[in-house]
Protein backbone atom coordinates (compact mmCIF):
# COMPACT_ATOMS: atom_id res chain seq x y z
CA MET A 1 1.55 45.47 -29.95
CA ASN A 2 2.13 42.24 -31.67
CA ASN A 3 4.55 41.47 -28.95
CA THR A 4 1.94 41.69 -26.23
CA ARG A 5 -0.60 39.48 -28.29
CA SER A 6 2.25 36.63 -28.65
CA THR A 7 2.91 36.68 -24.99
CA LYS A 8 -0.76 36.69 -24.18
CA SER A 9 -1.25 33.48 -26.30
CA VAL A 10 1.75 31.95 -24.95
CA LYS A 11 0.28 32.47 -21.21
CA THR A 12 -3.12 31.16 -22.39
CA ALA A 13 -1.70 28.19 -23.83
CA ALA A 14 0.30 27.50 -20.77
CA GLY A 15 -2.60 27.97 -18.65
CA ARG A 16 -4.71 25.53 -20.69
CA LEU A 17 -2.01 23.06 -20.58
CA GLY A 18 -1.62 23.42 -16.85
CA ALA A 19 -5.25 22.83 -16.55
CA LEU A 20 -5.12 19.92 -18.70
CA LEU A 21 -2.42 18.33 -16.73
CA ILE A 22 -4.15 18.98 -13.29
CA ALA A 23 -7.44 17.27 -14.81
CA GLY A 24 -5.46 14.29 -15.89
CA CYS A 25 -3.82 13.96 -12.41
CA LEU A 26 -7.25 14.11 -10.76
CA SER A 27 -8.97 11.50 -13.06
CA SER A 28 -6.02 9.21 -12.70
CA VAL A 29 -6.31 9.69 -8.71
CA ALA A 30 -10.02 8.98 -8.87
CA PHE A 31 -9.56 5.96 -11.05
CA ALA A 32 -7.10 4.43 -8.88
CA GLN A 33 -9.35 4.87 -5.81
CA ALA A 34 -12.26 3.34 -7.75
CA SER A 35 -10.18 0.21 -8.80
CA ASP A 36 -8.47 -0.04 -5.37
CA PRO A 37 -9.47 -3.21 -3.72
CA ALA A 38 -8.90 -1.99 -0.29
CA ALA A 39 -11.46 0.73 -1.18
CA ALA A 40 -14.25 -1.76 -1.82
CA PRO A 41 -16.75 -2.19 0.77
CA VAL A 42 -15.89 -5.23 3.37
CA THR A 43 -18.22 -8.21 2.67
CA HIS A 44 -18.93 -11.18 5.07
CA ALA A 45 -16.42 -13.41 3.21
CA ASP A 46 -13.74 -10.79 3.58
CA LYS A 47 -14.27 -10.47 7.37
CA LYS A 48 -14.23 -14.42 7.56
CA ALA A 49 -10.97 -14.78 5.46
CA ALA A 50 -9.27 -12.02 7.68
CA LYS A 51 -10.34 -14.16 10.68
CA GLN A 52 -8.91 -17.30 9.35
CA GLN A 53 -5.75 -15.40 8.40
CA ALA A 54 -5.36 -13.97 11.77
CA LYS A 55 -5.87 -17.15 13.35
CA ALA A 56 -3.15 -18.82 11.11
CA ASP A 57 -0.85 -15.96 11.85
CA LYS A 58 -1.30 -16.58 15.50
CA GLU A 59 -0.60 -20.37 15.26
CA LYS A 60 2.40 -19.64 12.99
CA THR A 61 3.67 -16.97 15.81
CA GLU A 62 3.23 -19.50 18.54
CA ALA A 63 4.93 -22.29 16.61
CA GLN A 64 7.84 -20.07 15.77
CA ALA A 65 8.28 -19.13 19.52
CA ASP A 66 7.97 -22.77 20.57
CA ALA A 67 10.86 -23.49 18.01
CA ASP A 68 12.95 -20.63 19.21
CA LYS A 69 12.47 -21.76 22.77
CA ALA A 70 13.39 -25.45 21.84
CA ASN A 71 16.52 -24.07 20.02
CA ALA A 72 17.70 -21.95 22.87
CA GLU A 73 17.30 -25.06 25.15
CA ALA A 74 19.33 -26.96 22.86
CA ASN A 75 22.01 -24.33 22.67
CA LEU A 76 22.15 -24.14 26.34
CA LYS A 77 22.53 -27.89 26.70
CA ASP A 78 25.16 -27.99 24.14
CA ALA A 79 27.04 -25.08 25.99
CA LYS A 80 27.00 -26.89 29.44
CA LYS A 81 28.55 -30.06 27.88
CA GLN A 82 31.46 -28.13 26.55
């Protein structure tokens, strides 16, 4: 009978420990979501900044395409000379 009591208390302690671990993980997830800037509502300033960033990205892509085209033309010109 003494052995049964010991096993029962170990199972109860393990169950409590498991519950505490799960609760700790859930609270960590909740905190991470609350402190995540991506989870914050989008403001007018955020929308404006995103629009400006998209414009800058588009200009950068176009400039890179122009540079690539010029480089390809220069390589072709060099190849024709040889």
